[in-house]
Amino acid sequence: AGAAGAAGAAGRVFSVVGAEEGAVGAAGGSSPHSEQIRWILTPTLVVILEGFLALQQARFERVLGQIYPLLCALVECNDARVRSLLSALFLSKVGPAAGAMLPAAPSAPPRRV
């Protein structure tokens, strides 16, 4: 229940941040309102992403389907802390989860003739 609750909370925060990022991009600049929202929500995003990093892999994989599109949307976030945490999350949690679904890589590269 804790991981699912965190996924729901993350979804709400991600959607607000994503809407603000989209509004800023569409307007071609940054409004004081969007900057204020980003300033308020970024620490919350950092805590949520750190929480996802701390989850055991099996628990993370249970919520991955719900949060994956949101994580992808955050890739364009302007905050370096958020991007750094996203990178760590994709490398340490999403990658291994996807690896279980991907076909095995060839053991040796193809030979050139």
Foldseek 3Di string as FASTA:
>chain_A
DVLVVLLVVLVVLLVVLLVLVVVCVVVVHHDPVSVVSCVVSVVVLLVSLVVLVPDDQVSNLVCCVSCVVSLVSCCPPPDPSNVVSSVVCCVPHVVVSVVVVDDDDDPDDDDDD
